[in-house]
Amino acid sequence: LNEFVGKERISSFYSDNALELIKAARLKGILNPTATTGMPQTNGLAEGKVRTVKEGTTVNLLRVGFTPSHYWLDCMRHFCTARNIHKDSDGNSSYSKRHGKHGIADFAGLRLPFGTEVFFMLVPSKLEAHAPFTPKMDKGLFAGYHMQPGGIWSGDYLVYPTNDFEWDSPTKRWGGVNAQRTKEVFHDPNHG
């Protein structure tokens, strides 16, 4: 709960009757009205938001061709962040509305679709393995944004290094790759 709250003060949150949520609310001194068990229609707003996130995540995974079992969590986080940093017709985003009141600047990073081909700066430990005179940037697939508690962007991106993907012959799938955190990402809109 603390990861999502950040500097905000929560006075109340509506949830289902999940014991872990009731306990968290009680420990934090937060009012916690609950929905009727087994009746999703009593929790319509939350159910609609969950459906939007599931559908958006699924579409992104299908568009990129990733195996959902390994990549769904990163894809879901990317989808939610992309929705929060998207600017409306007035030039405002949910991100700026939430964090602007705390003096945090609007999101200033690249806005890229999940799975977009990018070049990224290797982390120092991987640079050591590179031969001299080889590029310090490598190809990767964009995985999202590293967020601090409270949903504040750290300034870092998440990228799947393309060199880390390996074909698994028995399952006839690409094996799972963990995203690497990096400060610098370059995207050529004319390529990928």
C-alpha atoms as a PDB file:
ATOM      1  CA  LEU A   1       0.000   0.000   0.000  1.00  0.00           C
ATOM      2  CA  ASN A   2       2.838   2.404   0.851  1.00  0.00           C
ATOM      3  CA  GLU A   3       4.353   1.922  -2.613  1.00  0.00           C
ATOM      4  CA  PHE A   4       1.271   3.423  -4.264  1.00  0.00           C
ATOM      5  CA  VAL A   5       0.544   6.115  -1.695  1.00  0.00           C
ATOM      6  CA  GLY A   6       3.834   8.009  -1.721  1.00  0.00           C
ATOM      7  CA  LYS A   7       3.264  11.464  -0.170  1.00  0.00           C
ATOM      8  CA  GLU A   8      -0.520  11.293  -0.461  1.00  0.00           C
ATOM      9  CA  ARG A   9      -2.814  10.892   2.530  1.00  0.00           C
ATOM     10  CA  ILE A  10      -5.546   8.307   2.083  1.00  0.00           C
ATOM     11  CA  SER A  11      -8.608   8.792   4.235  1.00  0.00           C
ATOM     12  CA  SER A  12     -10.697   6.004   2.683  1.00  0.00           C
ATOM     13  CA  PHE A  13     -10.512   3.308   0.005  1.00  0.00           C
ATOM     14  CA  TYR A  14     -13.255   1.062  -1.278  1.00  0.00           C
ATOM     15  CA  SER A  15     -12.421  -2.614  -1.768  1.00  0.00           C
ATOM     16  CA  ASP A  16     -13.801  -6.107  -1.853  1.00  0.00           C
ATOM     17  CA  ASN A  17     -13.730  -8.129   1.369  1.00  0.00           C
ATOM     18  CA  ALA A  18     -10.136  -9.303   0.921  1.00  0.00           C
ATOM     19  CA  LEU A  19      -8.757  -9.855   4.412  1.00  0.00           C
ATOM     20  CA  GLU A  20      -5.312  -8.482   3.495  1.00  0.00           C
ATOM     21  CA  LEU A  21      -6.861  -5.179   2.362  1.00  0.00           C
ATOM     22  CA  ILE A  22      -9.052  -4.910   5.453  1.00  0.00           C
ATOM     23  CA  LYS A  23      -6.000  -5.575   7.659  1.00  0.00           C
ATOM     24  CA  ALA A  24      -3.852  -3.031   5.768  1.00  0.00           C
ATOM     25  CA  ALA A  25      -6.583  -0.383   6.120  1.00  0.00           C
ATOM     26  CA  ARG A  26      -6.943  -1.071   9.837  1.00  0.00           C
ATOM     27  CA  LEU A  27      -3.161  -0.883  10.410  1.00  0.00           C
ATOM     28  CA  LYS A  28      -2.947   2.441   8.564  1.00  0.00           C
ATOM     29  CA  GLY A  29      -6.052   3.923  10.170  1.00  0.00           C
ATOM     30  CA  ILE A  30      -7.866   4.186   6.838  1.00  0.00           C
ATOM     31  CA  LEU A  31     -11.629   3.837   6.457  1.00  0.00           C
ATOM     32  CA  ASN A  32     -12.437   0.827   4.285  1.00  0.00           C
ATOM     33  CA  PRO A  33     -16.025   0.471   3.020  1.00  0.00           C
ATOM     34  CA  THR A  34     -16.397  -2.860   1.240  1.00  0.00           C
ATOM     35  CA  ALA A  35     -18.387  -4.362  -1.629  1.00  0.00           C
ATOM     36  CA  THR A  36     -20.832  -7.221  -1.229  1.00  0.00           C
ATOM     37  CA  THR A  37     -19.004 -10.548  -1.586  1.00  0.00           C
ATOM     38  CA  GLY A  38     -19.853 -12.419  -4.788  1.00  0.00           C
ATOM     39  CA  MET A  39     -21.613  -9.433  -6.386  1.00  0.00           C
ATOM     40  CA  PRO A  40     -19.184  -7.650  -8.756  1.00  0.00           C
ATOM     41  CA  GLN A  41     -21.874  -5.136  -9.728  1.00  0.00           C
ATOM     42  CA  THR A  42     -21.484  -3.559  -6.247  1.00  0.00           C
ATOM     43  CA  ASN A  43     -17.912  -2.773  -7.197  1.00  0.00           C
ATOM     44  CA  GLY A  44     -18.588  -1.574 -10.760  1.00  0.00           C
ATOM     45  CA  LEU A  45     -16.055   1.262 -11.004  1.00  0.00           C
ATOM     46  CA  ALA A  46     -13.125  -0.871  -9.837  1.00  0.00           C
ATOM     47  CA  GLU A  47     -14.233  -3.816 -12.005  1.00  0.00           C
ATOM     48  CA  GLY A  48     -14.318  -1.516 -15.042  1.00  0.00           C
ATOM     49  CA  LYS A  49     -10.805  -0.225 -14.343  1.00  0.00           C
ATOM     50  CA  VAL A  50      -9.487  -3.776 -13.872  1.00  0.00           C
ATOM     51  CA  ARG A  51     -11.075  -4.790 -17.167  1.00  0.00           C
ATOM     52  CA  THR A  52      -9.472  -1.827 -18.988  1.00  0.00           C
ATOM     53  CA  VAL A  53      -6.032  -2.758 -17.629  1.00  0.00           C
ATOM     54  CA  LYS A  54      -6.445  -6.454 -18.504  1.00  0.00           C
ATOM     55  CA  GLU A  55      -7.621  -5.679 -22.040  1.00  0.00           C
ATOM     56  CA  GLY A  56      -4.888  -3.082 -22.636  1.00  0.00           C
ATOM     57  CA  THR A  57      -2.216  -5.437 -21.343  1.00  0.00           C
ATOM     58  CA  THR A  58      -3.510  -8.283 -23.505  1.00  0.00           C
ATOM     59  CA  VAL A  59      -3.591  -6.131 -26.644  1.00  0.00           C
ATOM     60  CA  ASN A  60      -0.022  -4.926 -26.029  1.00  0.00           C
ATOM     61  CA  LEU A  61       1.256  -8.472 -25.480  1.00  0.00           C
ATOM     62  CA  LEU A  62      -0.438  -9.678 -28.671  1.00  0.00           C
ATOM     63  CA  ARG A  63       0.859  -6.699 -30.666  1.00  0.00           C
ATOM     64  CA  VAL A  64       4.431  -7.409 -29.627  1.00  0.00           C
ATOM     65  CA  GLY A  65       4.120 -11.208 -29.741  1.00  0.00           C
ATOM     66  CA  PHE A  66       5.419 -11.796 -26.207  1.00  0.00           C
ATOM     67  CA  THR A  67       4.572 -14.832 -24.097  1.00  0.00           C
ATOM     68  CA  PRO A  68       2.088 -13.609 -21.477  1.00  0.00           C
ATOM     69  CA  SER A  69       3.332 -15.938 -18.727  1.00  0.00           C
ATOM     70  CA  HIS A  70       6.639 -14.063 -18.430  1.00  0.00           C
ATOM     71  CA  TYR A  71       5.931 -10.529 -19.664  1.00  0.00           C
ATOM     72  CA  TRP A  72       2.418  -9.703 -18.429  1.00  0.00           C
ATOM     73  CA  LEU A  73       3.546  -7.879 -15.275  1.00  0.00           C
ATOM     74  CA  ASP A  74       5.963  -5.520 -17.053  1.00  0.00           C
ATOM     75  CA  CYS A  75       3.407  -4.981 -19.808  1.00  0.00           C
ATOM     76  CA  MET A  76       0.657  -4.207 -17.299  1.00  0.00           C
ATOM     77  CA  ARG A  77       2.868  -1.697 -15.468  1.00  0.00           C
ATOM     78  CA  HIS A  78       3.764  -0.065 -18.797  1.00  0.00           C
ATOM     79  CA  PHE A  79       0.090   0.151 -19.794  1.00  0.00           C
ATOM     80  CA  CYS A  80      -0.869   1.813 -16.502  1.00  0.00           C
ATOM     81  CA  THR A  81       2.031   4.277 -16.663  1.00  0.00           C
ATOM     82  CA  ALA A  82       1.279   5.108 -20.305  1.00  0.00           C
ATOM     83  CA  ARG A  83      -2.337   5.907 -19.371  1.00  0.00           C
ATOM     84  CA  ASN A  84      -1.190   8.094 -16.469  1.00  0.00           C
ATOM     85  CA  ILE A  85       1.306  10.118 -18.533  1.00  0.00           C
ATOM     86  CA  HIS A  86      -1.037  10.533 -21.511  1.00  0.00           C
ATOM     87  CA  LYS A  87      -2.057  14.178 -21.903  1.00  0.00           C
ATOM     88  CA  ASP A  88      -5.698  15.062 -22.415  1.00  0.00           C
ATOM     89  CA  SER A  89      -7.002  17.751 -24.801  1.00  0.00           C
ATOM     90  CA  ASP A  90      -6.114  20.434 -22.212  1.00  0.00           C
ATOM     91  CA  GLY A  91      -2.490  19.230 -22.035  1.00  0.00           C
ATOM     92  CA  ASN A  92      -2.874  17.678 -18.580  1.00  0.00           C
ATOM     93  CA  SER A  93      -2.102  14.137 -17.525  1.00  0.00           C
ATOM     94  CA  SER A  94      -3.176  12.141 -14.477  1.00  0.00           C
ATOM     95  CA  TYR A  95       0.530  12.082 -13.565  1.00  0.00           C
ATOM     96  CA  SER A  96       0.780  15.891 -13.547  1.00  0.00           C
ATOM     97  CA  LYS A  97      -2.526  16.298 -11.698  1.00  0.00           C
ATOM     98  CA  ARG A  98      -1.374  13.966  -8.925  1.00  0.00           C
ATOM     99  CA  HIS A  99       2.255  15.000  -8.561  1.00  0.00           C
ATOM    100  CA  GLY A 100       2.182  18.663  -9.623  1.00  0.00           C
ATOM    101  CA  LYS A 101       0.715  19.700  -6.276  1.00  0.00           C
ATOM    102  CA  HIS A 102       3.865  18.315  -4.609  1.00  0.00           C
ATOM    103  CA  GLY A 103       6.177  20.358  -6.818  1.00  0.00           C
ATOM    104  CA  ILE A 104       7.131  17.415  -9.020  1.00  0.00           C
ATOM    105  CA  ALA A 105       7.540  18.341 -12.663  1.00  0.00           C
ATOM    106  CA  ASP A 106       5.341  16.760 -15.303  1.00  0.00           C
ATOM    107  CA  PHE A 107       6.593  13.549 -16.865  1.00  0.00           C
ATOM    108  CA  ALA A 108       9.463  14.489 -19.199  1.00  0.00           C
ATOM    109  CA  GLY A 109      10.531  11.083 -20.505  1.00  0.00           C
ATOM    110  CA  LEU A 110      10.006   9.384 -23.839  1.00  0.00           C
ATOM    111  CA  ARG A 111       6.510   8.072 -24.461  1.00  0.00           C
ATOM    112  CA  LEU A 112       7.020   4.754 -26.249  1.00  0.00           C
ATOM    113  CA  PRO A 113       4.817   1.711 -26.883  1.00  0.00           C
ATOM    114  CA  PHE A 114       5.653  -1.521 -25.074  1.00  0.00           C
ATOM    115  CA  GLY A 115       8.056  -3.637 -27.137  1.00  0.00           C
ATOM    116  CA  THR A 116       9.336  -0.784 -29.331  1.00  0.00           C
ATOM    117  CA  GLU A 117      12.867  -1.305 -30.640  1.00  0.00           C
ATOM    118  CA  VAL A 118      15.296   1.073 -28.930  1.00  0.00           C
ATOM    119  CA  PHE A 119      18.988   1.588 -28.332  1.00  0.00           C
ATOM    120  CA  PHE A 120      20.008   1.894 -24.692  1.00  0.00           C
ATOM    121  CA  MET A 121      23.107   2.650 -22.668  1.00  0.00           C
ATOM    122  CA  LEU A 122      24.514  -0.462 -21.052  1.00  0.00           C
ATOM    123  CA  VAL A 123      24.919  -0.500 -17.288  1.00  0.00           C
ATOM    124  CA  PRO A 124      28.537  -0.310 -16.068  1.00  0.00           C
ATOM    125  CA  SER A 125      28.739  -4.022 -15.177  1.00  0.00           C
ATOM    126  CA  LYS A 126      27.800  -4.985 -18.754  1.00  0.00           C
ATOM    127  CA  LEU A 127      30.134  -2.373 -20.237  1.00  0.00           C
ATOM    128  CA  GLU A 128      33.074  -4.140 -18.582  1.00  0.00           C
ATOM    129  CA  ALA A 129      32.338  -7.250 -20.665  1.00  0.00           C
ATOM    130  CA  HIS A 130      32.358  -5.232 -23.906  1.00  0.00           C
ATOM    131  CA  ALA A 131      35.497  -5.247 -26.003  1.00  0.00           C
ATOM    132  CA  PRO A 132      37.278  -1.906 -26.443  1.00  0.00           C
ATOM    133  CA  PHE A 133      35.979   0.333 -29.240  1.00  0.00           C
ATOM    134  CA  THR A 134      32.576  -1.369 -29.347  1.00  0.00           C
ATOM    135  CA  PRO A 135      29.466   0.781 -28.979  1.00  0.00           C
ATOM    136  CA  LYS A 136      28.321   1.566 -25.457  1.00  0.00           C
ATOM    137  CA  MET A 137      24.703   1.349 -26.570  1.00  0.00           C
ATOM    138  CA  ASP A 138      22.919  -1.874 -27.409  1.00  0.00           C
ATOM    139  CA  LYS A 139      19.623  -2.855 -29.037  1.00  0.00           C
ATOM    140  CA  GLY A 140      16.661  -3.670 -26.886  1.00  0.00           C
ATOM    141  CA  LEU A 141      12.892  -3.752 -26.663  1.00  0.00           C
ATOM    142  CA  PHE A 142      11.213  -1.086 -24.549  1.00  0.00           C
ATOM    143  CA  ALA A 143       9.660  -2.535 -21.373  1.00  0.00           C
ATOM    144  CA  GLY A 144       8.564   0.598 -19.519  1.00  0.00           C
ATOM    145  CA  TYR A 145       9.502   3.042 -16.795  1.00  0.00           C
ATOM    146  CA  HIS A 146      11.068   2.558 -13.373  1.00  0.00           C
ATOM    147  CA  MET A 147       8.747   4.125 -10.830  1.00  0.00           C
ATOM    148  CA  GLN A 148       9.512   5.193  -7.265  1.00  0.00           C
ATOM    149  CA  PRO A 149       7.007   4.748  -4.413  1.00  0.00           C
ATOM    150  CA  GLY A 150       3.939   6.896  -4.988  1.00  0.00           C
ATOM    151  CA  GLY A 151       4.156   6.472  -8.776  1.00  0.00           C
ATOM    152  CA  ILE A 152       6.932   9.029  -9.302  1.00  0.00           C
ATOM    153  CA  TRP A 153       9.154   8.348 -12.315  1.00  0.00           C
ATOM    154  CA  SER A 154      12.795   7.814 -11.289  1.00  0.00           C
ATOM    155  CA  GLY A 155      14.137   8.994 -14.654  1.00  0.00           C
ATOM    156  CA  ASP A 156      15.101   5.425 -15.589  1.00  0.00           C
ATOM    157  CA  TYR A 157      13.689   3.244 -18.334  1.00  0.00           C
ATOM    158  CA  LEU A 158      13.281  -0.537 -18.470  1.00  0.00           C
ATOM    159  CA  VAL A 159      14.561  -2.371 -21.545  1.00  0.00           C
ATOM    160  CA  TYR A 160      14.826  -6.030 -22.587  1.00  0.00           C
ATOM    161  CA  PRO A 161      18.277  -6.461 -24.178  1.00  0.00           C
ATOM    162  CA  THR A 162      17.733  -8.242 -27.503  1.00  0.00           C
ATOM    163  CA  ASN A 163      20.988 -10.189 -27.037  1.00  0.00           C
ATOM    164  CA  ASP A 164      19.489 -11.847 -23.943  1.00  0.00           C
ATOM    165  CA  PHE A 165      16.643 -13.528 -25.860  1.00  0.00           C
ATOM    166  CA  GLU A 166      17.236 -17.243 -26.471  1.00  0.00           C
ATOM    167  CA  TRP A 167      15.099 -19.675 -28.480  1.00  0.00           C
ATOM    168  CA  ASP A 168      13.844 -22.620 -26.436  1.00  0.00           C
ATOM    169  CA  SER A 169      13.522 -25.470 -28.956  1.00  0.00           C
ATOM    170  CA  PRO A 170      11.446 -27.881 -26.809  1.00  0.00           C
ATOM    171  CA  THR A 171       8.722 -25.297 -26.144  1.00  0.00           C
ATOM    172  CA  LYS A 172       9.201 -23.510 -29.494  1.00  0.00           C
ATOM    173  CA  ARG A 173       9.215 -20.149 -27.716  1.00  0.00           C
ATOM    174  CA  TRP A 174      11.577 -17.391 -26.828  1.00  0.00           C
ATOM    175  CA  GLY A 175      12.783 -17.732 -23.246  1.00  0.00           C
ATOM    176  CA  GLY A 176      11.982 -15.059 -20.693  1.00  0.00           C
ATOM    177  CA  VAL A 177      14.249 -12.026 -20.427  1.00  0.00           C
ATOM    178  CA  ASN A 178      14.457  -9.706 -17.444  1.00  0.00           C
ATOM    179  CA  ALA A 179      14.275  -5.981 -18.068  1.00  0.00           C
ATOM    180  CA  GLN A 180      17.393  -3.925 -17.461  1.00  0.00           C
ATOM    181  CA  ARG A 181      17.156  -0.502 -15.830  1.00  0.00           C
ATOM    182  CA  THR A 182      18.923   2.283 -17.727  1.00  0.00           C
ATOM    183  CA  LYS A 183      19.066   6.081 -17.828  1.00  0.00           C
ATOM    184  CA  GLU A 184      19.531   6.549 -21.563  1.00  0.00           C
ATOM    185  CA  VAL A 185      17.238   5.292 -24.313  1.00  0.00           C
ATOM    186  CA  PHE A 186      17.197   6.337 -27.955  1.00  0.00           C
ATOM    187  CA  HIS A 187      14.374   5.571 -30.359  1.00  0.00           C
ATOM    188  CA  ASP A 188      14.555   6.176 -34.095  1.00  0.00           C
ATOM    189  CA  PRO A 189      10.921   6.733 -35.176  1.00  0.00           C
ATOM    190  CA  ASN A 190      11.887   5.757 -38.737  1.00  0.00           C
ATOM    191  CA  HIS A 191      13.069   2.318 -37.571  1.00  0.00           C
ATOM    192  CA  GLY A 192      11.099  -0.128 -35.412  1.00  0.00           C
END
